[in-house]
Amino acid sequence: MATKTEGMDKLKDVSQELLHNLGNKAFDTANDKLSGLTGRLTDMLAFRARGWELVVAGVSDDAFAAVESRVRRAVRIGEGRYMLDLPLEPAPEHLLADLTRAGAHLVSLNPVRQTLEDFFVEQVTAPDVLASNRGLGA
């Protein structure tokens, strides 16, 4: 007759094997999905700029009101200081020029891109991947 600790040890071994197999299956699925992707990250469509993050300071209420309709999202991060989420087009230089003419100054301007992590999660959670048999069923 098996002792309580022998039963727990067997359960632990079976659990570890199951987790190992699940991990291998998930890795294989992700590898299959991503194996056709080659080239430099900057060449991949997913990593092209999708917009701009513009941080400006010295923005008056009137200057902000004048450009607000051209901004996807604005976050006030301090007195007269804003983070503006801009679309890819039109070029951010036009909006920045309007703000600087009104007395604001540039803090930073960065392209907004999808992260590698976001891209990976998107690939492995795509409907066709989720619908595939991962060996998890009975």
Protein backbone atom coordinates (compact mmCIF):
# COMPACT_ATOMS: atom_id res chain seq x y z
CA MET A 1 0.00 0.00 0.00
CA ALA A 2 1.33 3.43 -0.98
CA THR A 3 2.06 5.92 1.75
CA LYS A 4 0.75 9.48 1.72
CA THR A 5 4.17 10.87 0.77
CA GLU A 6 4.55 8.37 -2.08
CA GLY A 7 1.20 9.51 -3.46
CA MET A 8 2.22 13.16 -3.19
CA ASP A 9 5.55 12.41 -4.88
CA LYS A 10 3.75 10.67 -7.75
CA LEU A 11 1.33 13.59 -8.10
CA LYS A 12 4.26 16.01 -8.11
CA ASP A 13 6.06 13.99 -10.82
CA VAL A 14 2.93 13.79 -13.00
CA SER A 15 2.30 17.53 -12.53
CA GLN A 16 5.87 18.42 -13.48
CA GLU A 17 5.67 16.25 -16.60
CA LEU A 18 2.34 17.83 -17.59
CA LEU A 19 3.70 21.35 -17.16
CA HIS A 20 6.84 20.44 -19.09
CA ASN A 21 4.74 19.04 -21.95
CA LEU A 22 2.46 22.08 -21.95
CA GLY A 23 5.44 24.39 -22.09
CA ASN A 24 6.98 22.44 -24.98
CA LYS A 25 3.68 22.44 -26.86
CA ALA A 26 3.22 26.19 -26.36
CA PHE A 27 6.80 26.81 -27.51
CA ASP A 28 6.30 24.60 -30.58
CA THR A 29 3.07 26.44 -31.46
CA ALA A 30 4.76 29.83 -31.11
CA ASN A 31 7.80 28.63 -33.05
CA ASP A 32 5.59 27.34 -35.89
CA LYS A 33 3.72 30.64 -36.00
CA LEU A 34 6.85 32.80 -35.97
CA SER A 35 9.15 30.63 -38.10
CA GLY A 36 8.16 32.35 -41.35
CA LEU A 37 9.17 35.75 -40.05
CA THR A 38 12.60 36.81 -41.18
CA GLY A 39 14.48 40.04 -41.64
CA ARG A 40 15.29 42.99 -39.46
CA LEU A 41 12.74 44.13 -36.88
CA THR A 42 12.70 47.60 -38.42
CA ASP A 43 11.64 46.08 -41.74
CA MET A 44 8.60 44.30 -40.31
CA LEU A 45 5.30 46.07 -40.86
CA ALA A 46 4.28 45.53 -37.23
CA PHE A 47 7.21 47.66 -36.08
CA ARG A 48 6.64 50.63 -38.35
CA ALA A 49 5.60 53.84 -36.64
CA ARG A 50 1.88 53.98 -35.84
CA GLY A 51 1.89 57.53 -34.55
CA TRP A 52 3.88 59.98 -32.49
CA GLU A 53 4.30 60.83 -28.83
CA LEU A 54 5.00 64.53 -28.48
CA VAL A 55 5.89 66.04 -25.11
CA VAL A 56 5.79 69.84 -24.96
CA ALA A 57 6.16 72.40 -22.19
CA GLY A 58 5.11 76.01 -21.85
CA VAL A 59 1.76 75.36 -23.52
CA SER A 60 -0.86 77.97 -22.74
CA ASP A 61 -4.52 77.03 -22.42
CA ASP A 62 -5.28 78.91 -25.65
CA ALA A 63 -2.48 77.14 -27.55
CA PHE A 64 -3.68 73.75 -26.33
CA ALA A 65 -7.28 74.53 -27.29
CA ALA A 66 -6.12 75.48 -30.80
CA VAL A 67 -4.49 72.09 -31.45
CA GLU A 68 -6.62 69.78 -29.30
CA SER A 69 -8.78 68.58 -32.23
CA ARG A 70 -5.65 67.29 -34.03
CA VAL A 71 -4.56 65.12 -31.08
CA ARG A 72 -5.72 61.53 -30.48
CA ARG A 73 -5.13 61.78 -26.74
CA ALA A 74 -3.65 64.38 -24.43
CA VAL A 75 -2.30 63.91 -20.92
CA ARG A 76 -1.52 66.96 -18.83
CA ILE A 77 1.65 66.02 -16.96
CA GLY A 78 2.29 69.36 -15.29
CA GLU A 79 1.56 73.05 -15.48
CA GLY A 80 1.67 73.86 -19.19
CA ARG A 81 3.27 70.46 -19.94
CA TYR A 82 1.52 67.85 -22.08
CA MET A 83 2.08 64.43 -23.59
CA LEU A 84 0.24 64.39 -26.91
CA ASP A 85 -0.57 61.21 -28.81
CA LEU A 86 -0.56 62.14 -32.49
CA PRO A 87 -1.57 60.19 -35.59
CA LEU A 88 1.14 59.20 -38.04
CA GLU A 89 -0.19 61.71 -40.59
CA PRO A 90 -0.05 64.65 -40.86
CA ALA A 91 3.58 64.97 -39.86
CA PRO A 92 4.02 66.15 -36.24
CA GLU A 93 6.14 69.10 -37.35
CA HIS A 94 3.02 71.05 -38.36
CA LEU A 95 1.41 70.79 -34.93
CA LEU A 96 4.75 71.41 -33.21
CA ALA A 97 5.28 74.55 -35.30
CA ASP A 98 1.86 75.86 -34.25
CA LEU A 99 2.67 75.22 -30.59
CA THR A 100 6.14 76.79 -30.73
CA ARG A 101 4.73 79.90 -32.42
CA ALA A 102 2.44 80.15 -29.38
CA GLY A 103 5.42 80.00 -26.99
CA ALA A 104 5.67 76.26 -26.24
CA HIS A 105 8.89 74.30 -26.56
CA LEU A 106 9.71 70.73 -27.49
CA VAL A 107 10.66 68.27 -24.74
CA SER A 108 10.60 65.07 -26.81
CA LEU A 109 9.18 63.56 -29.98
CA ASN A 110 9.17 59.78 -30.40
CA PRO A 111 7.55 57.38 -32.85
CA VAL A 112 4.99 55.02 -31.34
CA ARG A 113 5.63 51.40 -32.30
CA GLN A 114 4.31 48.04 -31.21
CA THR A 115 6.69 46.35 -28.77
CA LEU A 116 8.24 42.97 -29.54
CA GLU A 117 6.32 41.55 -26.58
CA ASP A 118 2.99 42.90 -27.94
CA PHE A 119 3.80 41.44 -31.36
CA PHE A 120 4.66 38.03 -29.90
CA VAL A 121 1.50 37.88 -27.77
CA GLU A 122 -0.59 38.94 -30.78
CA GLN A 123 0.95 36.15 -32.87
CA VAL A 124 0.47 33.35 -30.33
CA THR A 125 -3.07 34.42 -29.40
CA ALA A 126 -4.33 34.80 -32.96
CA PRO A 127 -7.63 32.97 -33.58
CA ASP A 128 -6.02 30.36 -35.86
CA VAL A 129 -3.42 29.53 -33.20
CA LEU A 130 -5.99 29.38 -30.42
CA ALA A 131 -8.18 27.09 -32.51
CA SER A 132 -5.36 24.63 -33.16
CA ASN A 133 -5.03 21.46 -31.13
CA ARG A 134 -2.34 22.08 -28.55
CA GLY A 135 -2.63 18.69 -26.97
CA LEU A 136 -4.48 20.12 -24.01
CA GLY A 137 -7.81 18.40 -24.61
CA ALA A 138 -8.91 15.05 -23.26
